[in-house]
Amino acid sequence: MVISDTHEGIKAATVRVLSTTWQRCRVHFQRNALTHAGKSSRRAVLAFIATAFAQPD
């Protein structure tokens, strides 16, 4: 498994060259989500993301 940001070249090479799966990096996901949230909403967005990642499945 390869974990990275959403760079299209990395994603393509993961499948084509390594023949494995790709997963989005958690830190990059959080950073990207926060760019879409207003300053007053960032703590709430982080709390929702943390709750989602804390789930067992």
PDB file of N, CA and C in Angstrom:
ATOM      1  N   MET A   1       0.844  -1.177   0.000  1.00  0.00           N
ATOM      2  CA  MET A   1       0.000   0.000   0.000  1.00  0.00           C
ATOM      3  C   MET A   1       0.890   1.241   0.000  1.00  0.00           C
ATOM      4  N   VAL A   2       0.495   2.206  -0.801  1.00  0.00           N
ATOM      5  CA  VAL A   2       1.186   3.485  -0.856  1.00  0.00           C
ATOM      6  C   VAL A   2       0.254   4.536  -0.286  1.00  0.00           C
ATOM      7  N   ILE A   3       0.775   5.363   0.613  1.00  0.00           N
ATOM      8  CA  ILE A   3       0.002   6.450   1.210  1.00  0.00           C
ATOM      9  C   ILE A   3       0.688   7.757   0.820  1.00  0.00           C
ATOM     10  N   SER A   4      -0.076   8.662   0.189  1.00  0.00           N
ATOM     11  CA  SER A   4       0.502   9.925  -0.274  1.00  0.00           C
ATOM     12  C   SER A   4      -0.584  10.971  -0.431  1.00  0.00           C
ATOM     13  N   ASP A   5      -0.161  12.152  -0.920  1.00  0.00           N
ATOM     14  CA  ASP A   5      -1.141  13.165  -1.288  1.00  0.00           C
ATOM     15  C   ASP A   5      -1.791  12.722  -2.599  1.00  0.00           C
ATOM     16  N   THR A   6      -2.602  13.570  -3.196  1.00  0.00           N
ATOM     17  CA  THR A   6      -3.358  13.156  -4.390  1.00  0.00           C
ATOM     18  C   THR A   6      -2.615  13.452  -5.689  1.00  0.00           C
ATOM     19  N   HIS A   7      -1.323  13.402  -5.661  1.00  0.00           N
ATOM     20  CA  HIS A   7      -0.519  13.613  -6.873  1.00  0.00           C
ATOM     21  C   HIS A   7      -0.858  12.523  -7.888  1.00  0.00           C
ATOM     22  N   GLU A   8      -1.321  12.923  -9.059  1.00  0.00           N
ATOM     23  CA  GLU A   8      -1.792  11.960 -10.056  1.00  0.00           C
ATOM     24  C   GLU A   8      -0.688  11.016 -10.531  1.00  0.00           C
ATOM     25  N   GLY A   9       0.542  11.499 -10.611  1.00  0.00           N
ATOM     26  CA  GLY A   9       1.651  10.651 -11.040  1.00  0.00           C
ATOM     27  C   GLY A   9       1.942   9.544 -10.040  1.00  0.00           C
ATOM     28  N   ILE A  10       1.898   9.876  -8.763  1.00  0.00           N
ATOM     29  CA  ILE A  10       2.119   8.871  -7.718  1.00  0.00           C
ATOM     30  C   ILE A  10       1.006   7.841  -7.747  1.00  0.00           C
ATOM     31  N   LYS A  11      -0.218   8.309  -7.898  1.00  0.00           N
ATOM     32  CA  LYS A  11      -1.353   7.379  -7.944  1.00  0.00           C
ATOM     33  C   LYS A  11      -1.242   6.428  -9.135  1.00  0.00           C
ATOM     34  N   ALA A  12      -0.882   6.954 -10.295  1.00  0.00           N
ATOM     35  CA  ALA A  12      -0.768   6.120 -11.492  1.00  0.00           C
ATOM     36  C   ALA A  12       0.380   5.121 -11.363  1.00  0.00           C
ATOM     37  N   ALA A  13       1.520   5.576 -10.842  1.00  0.00           N
ATOM     38  CA  ALA A  13       2.671   4.683 -10.682  1.00  0.00           C
ATOM     39  C   ALA A  13       2.395   3.594  -9.660  1.00  0.00           C
ATOM     40  N   THR A  14       1.620   3.907  -8.647  1.00  0.00           N
ATOM     41  CA  THR A  14       1.278   2.917  -7.635  1.00  0.00           C
ATOM     42  C   THR A  14       0.580   1.730  -8.260  1.00  0.00           C
ATOM     43  N   VAL A  15      -0.356   2.001  -9.124  1.00  0.00           N
ATOM     44  CA  VAL A  15      -1.105   0.923  -9.779  1.00  0.00           C
ATOM     45  C   VAL A  15      -0.278   0.267 -10.882  1.00  0.00           C
ATOM     46  N   ARG A  16       0.319   1.083 -11.740  1.00  0.00           N
ATOM     47  CA  ARG A  16       0.989   0.570 -12.929  1.00  0.00           C
ATOM     48  C   ARG A  16       2.327  -0.101 -12.633  1.00  0.00           C
ATOM     49  N   VAL A  17       3.160   0.509 -11.802  1.00  0.00           N
ATOM     50  CA  VAL A  17       4.509   0.002 -11.562  1.00  0.00           C
ATOM     51  C   VAL A  17       4.563  -0.939 -10.362  1.00  0.00           C
ATOM     52  N   LEU A  18       3.923  -0.544  -9.286  1.00  0.00           N
ATOM     53  CA  LEU A  18       4.012  -1.328  -8.056  1.00  0.00           C
ATOM     54  C   LEU A  18       2.909  -2.370  -7.914  1.00  0.00           C
ATOM     55  N   SER A  19       1.871  -2.252  -8.705  1.00  0.00           N
ATOM     56  CA  SER A  19       0.718  -3.168  -8.645  1.00  0.00           C
ATOM     57  C   SER A  19       0.168  -3.299  -7.227  1.00  0.00           C
ATOM     58  N   THR A  20      -0.023  -2.177  -6.599  1.00  0.00           N
ATOM     59  CA  THR A  20      -0.543  -2.162  -5.234  1.00  0.00           C
ATOM     60  C   THR A  20      -1.639  -1.108  -5.115  1.00  0.00           C
ATOM     61  N   THR A  21      -2.171  -0.932  -3.943  1.00  0.00           N
ATOM     62  CA  THR A  21      -3.253   0.025  -3.731  1.00  0.00           C
ATOM     63  C   THR A  21      -2.707   1.358  -3.230  1.00  0.00           C
ATOM     64  N   TRP A  22      -3.530   2.385  -3.371  1.00  0.00           N
ATOM     65  CA  TRP A  22      -3.171   3.738  -2.962  1.00  0.00           C
ATOM     66  C   TRP A  22      -4.187   4.236  -1.947  1.00  0.00           C
ATOM     67  N   GLN A  23      -3.707   4.998  -0.960  1.00  0.00           N
ATOM     68  CA  GLN A  23      -4.598   5.612   0.028  1.00  0.00           C
ATOM     69  C   GLN A  23      -4.164   7.046   0.259  1.00  0.00           C
ATOM     70  N   ARG A  24      -5.135   7.922   0.457  1.00  0.00           N
ATOM     71  CA  ARG A  24      -4.864   9.337   0.700  1.00  0.00           C
ATOM     72  C   ARG A  24      -4.251   9.538   2.068  1.00  0.00           C
ATOM     73  N   CYS A  25      -3.247  10.381   2.165  1.00  0.00           N
ATOM     74  CA  CYS A  25      -2.593  10.708   3.431  1.00  0.00           C
ATOM     75  C   CYS A  25      -3.571  11.471   4.325  1.00  0.00           C
ATOM     76  N   ARG A  26      -3.655  11.061   5.560  1.00  0.00           N
ATOM     77  CA  ARG A  26      -4.587  11.668   6.509  1.00  0.00           C
ATOM     78  C   ARG A  26      -4.276  13.154   6.747  1.00  0.00           C
ATOM     79  N   VAL A  27      -3.001  13.480   6.863  1.00  0.00           N
ATOM     80  CA  VAL A  27      -2.603  14.873   7.111  1.00  0.00           C
ATOM     81  C   VAL A  27      -2.979  15.756   5.922  1.00  0.00           C
ATOM     82  N   HIS A  28      -2.708  15.288   4.713  1.00  0.00           N
ATOM     83  CA  HIS A  28      -3.066  16.073   3.533  1.00  0.00           C
ATOM     84  C   HIS A  28      -4.583  16.217   3.421  1.00  0.00           C
ATOM     85  N   PHE A  29      -5.321  15.171   3.764  1.00  0.00           N
ATOM     86  CA  PHE A  29      -6.776  15.245   3.742  1.00  0.00           C
ATOM     87  C   PHE A  29      -7.271  16.336   4.688  1.00  0.00           C
ATOM     88  N   GLN A  30      -6.727  16.365   5.915  1.00  0.00           N
ATOM     89  CA  GLN A  30      -7.150  17.367   6.884  1.00  0.00           C
ATOM     90  C   GLN A  30      -6.796  18.777   6.421  1.00  0.00           C
ATOM     91  N   ARG A  31      -5.602  18.948   5.897  1.00  0.00           N
ATOM     92  CA  ARG A  31      -5.200  20.275   5.405  1.00  0.00           C
ATOM     93  C   ARG A  31      -6.108  20.753   4.281  1.00  0.00           C
ATOM     94  N   ASN A  32      -6.418  19.852   3.344  1.00  0.00           N
ATOM     95  CA  ASN A  32      -7.298  20.230   2.241  1.00  0.00           C
ATOM     96  C   ASN A  32      -8.702  20.552   2.721  1.00  0.00           C
ATOM     97  N   ALA A  33      -9.205  19.803   3.690  1.00  0.00           N
ATOM     98  CA  ALA A  33     -10.541  20.067   4.225  1.00  0.00           C
ATOM     99  C   ALA A  33     -10.588  21.435   4.904  1.00  0.00           C
ATOM    100  N   LEU A  34      -9.525  21.788   5.611  1.00  0.00           N
ATOM    101  CA  LEU A  34      -9.503  23.071   6.313  1.00  0.00           C
ATOM    102  C   LEU A  34      -9.450  24.269   5.365  1.00  0.00           C
ATOM    103  N   THR A  35      -8.937  24.069   4.168  1.00  0.00           N
ATOM    104  CA  THR A  35      -8.913  25.184   3.214  1.00  0.00           C
ATOM    105  C   THR A  35     -10.316  25.566   2.764  1.00  0.00           C
ATOM    106  N   HIS A  36     -11.273  24.651   2.917  1.00  0.00           N
ATOM    107  CA  HIS A  36     -12.659  24.909   2.524  1.00  0.00           C
ATOM    108  C   HIS A  36     -13.518  25.380   3.690  1.00  0.00           C
ATOM    109  N   ALA A  37     -12.948  25.421   4.882  1.00  0.00           N
ATOM    110  CA  ALA A  37     -13.690  25.842   6.080  1.00  0.00           C
ATOM    111  C   ALA A  37     -13.279  27.262   6.448  1.00  0.00           C
ATOM    112  N   GLY A  38     -14.232  28.029   6.904  1.00  0.00           N
ATOM    113  CA  GLY A  38     -13.929  29.363   7.392  1.00  0.00           C
ATOM    114  C   GLY A  38     -13.142  29.277   8.692  1.00  0.00           C
ATOM    115  N   LYS A  39     -12.480  30.362   9.047  1.00  0.00           N
ATOM    116  CA  LYS A  39     -11.653  30.359  10.259  1.00  0.00           C
ATOM    117  C   LYS A  39     -12.451  29.996  11.506  1.00  0.00           C
ATOM    118  N   SER A  40     -13.681  30.429  11.584  1.00  0.00           N
ATOM    119  CA  SER A  40     -14.492  30.150  12.773  1.00  0.00           C
ATOM    120  C   SER A  40     -14.986  28.701  12.807  1.00  0.00           C
ATOM    121  N   SER A  41     -14.925  27.999  11.686  1.00  0.00           N
ATOM    122  CA  SER A  41     -15.430  26.621  11.612  1.00  0.00           C
ATOM    123  C   SER A  41     -14.333  25.560  11.679  1.00  0.00           C
ATOM    124  N   ARG A  42     -13.088  25.958  11.679  1.00  0.00           N
ATOM    125  CA  ARG A  42     -11.995  24.993  11.578  1.00  0.00           C
ATOM    126  C   ARG A  42     -11.953  23.992  12.723  1.00  0.00           C
ATOM    127  N   ARG A  43     -12.200  24.442  13.937  1.00  0.00           N
ATOM    128  CA  ARG A  43     -12.187  23.502  15.075  1.00  0.00           C
ATOM    129  C   ARG A  43     -13.285  22.463  14.951  1.00  0.00           C
ATOM    130  N   ALA A  44     -14.449  22.884  14.500  1.00  0.00           N
ATOM    131  CA  ALA A  44     -15.562  21.947  14.326  1.00  0.00           C
ATOM    132  C   ALA A  44     -15.250  20.944  13.217  1.00  0.00           C
ATOM    133  N   VAL A  45     -14.673  21.408  12.128  1.00  0.00           N
ATOM    134  CA  VAL A  45     -14.316  20.517  11.030  1.00  0.00           C
ATOM    135  C   VAL A  45     -13.282  19.498  11.500  1.00  0.00           C
ATOM    136  N   LEU A  46     -12.271  19.946  12.225  1.00  0.00           N
ATOM    137  CA  LEU A  46     -11.262  19.022  12.757  1.00  0.00           C
ATOM    138  C   LEU A  46     -11.883  18.006  13.711  1.00  0.00           C
ATOM    139  N   ALA A  47     -12.848  18.437  14.503  1.00  0.00           N
ATOM    140  CA  ALA A  47     -13.520  17.517  15.426  1.00  0.00           C
ATOM    141  C   ALA A  47     -14.306  16.461  14.654  1.00  0.00           C
ATOM    142  N   PHE A  48     -14.990  16.846  13.603  1.00  0.00           N
ATOM    143  CA  PHE A  48     -15.730  15.878  12.783  1.00  0.00           C
ATOM    144  C   PHE A  48     -14.774  14.884  12.117  1.00  0.00           C
ATOM    145  N   ILE A  49     -13.669  15.384  11.596  1.00  0.00           N
ATOM    146  CA  ILE A  49     -12.689  14.499  10.954  1.00  0.00           C
ATOM    147  C   ILE A  49     -12.088  13.540  11.978  1.00  0.00           C
ATOM    148  N   ALA A  50     -11.738  14.041  13.149  1.00  0.00           N
ATOM    149  CA  ALA A  50     -11.173  13.183  14.193  1.00  0.00           C
ATOM    150  C   ALA A  50     -12.158  12.099  14.603  1.00  0.00           C
ATOM    151  N   THR A  51     -13.433  12.446  14.694  1.00  0.00           N
ATOM    152  CA  THR A  51     -14.463  11.455  15.035  1.00  0.00           C
ATOM    153  C   THR A  51     -14.558  10.382  13.955  1.00  0.00           C
ATOM    154  N   ALA A  52     -14.497  10.798  12.710  1.00  0.00           N
ATOM    155  CA  ALA A  52     -14.566   9.836  11.604  1.00  0.00           C
ATOM    156  C   ALA A  52     -13.371   8.883  11.623  1.00  0.00           C
ATOM    157  N   PHE A  53     -12.170   9.406  11.857  1.00  0.00           N
ATOM    158  CA  PHE A  53     -10.990   8.551  11.879  1.00  0.00           C
ATOM    159  C   PHE A  53     -10.920   7.672  13.136  1.00  0.00           C
ATOM    160  N   ALA A  54     -11.639   8.036  14.175  1.00  0.00           N
ATOM    161  CA  ALA A  54     -11.628   7.244  15.414  1.00  0.00           C
ATOM    162  C   ALA A  54     -12.539   6.019  15.324  1.00  0.00           C
ATOM    163  N   GLN A  55     -13.364   5.947  14.293  1.00  0.00           N
ATOM    164  CA  GLN A  55     -14.285   4.818  14.158  1.00  0.00           C
ATOM    165  C   GLN A  55     -13.521   3.534  13.818  1.00  0.00           C
ATOM    166  N   PRO A  56     -13.955   2.404  14.382  1.00  0.00           N
ATOM    167  CA  PRO A  56     -13.222   1.155  14.138  1.00  0.00           C
ATOM    168  C   PRO A  56     -13.344   0.629  12.704  1.00  0.00           C
ATOM    169  N   ASP A  57     -14.412   0.964  12.013  1.00  0.00           N
ATOM    170  CA  ASP A  57     -14.563   0.526  10.615  1.00  0.00           C
ATOM    171  C   ASP A  57     -15.476   1.446   9.847  1.00  0.00           C
TER     172      ASP A  57
END
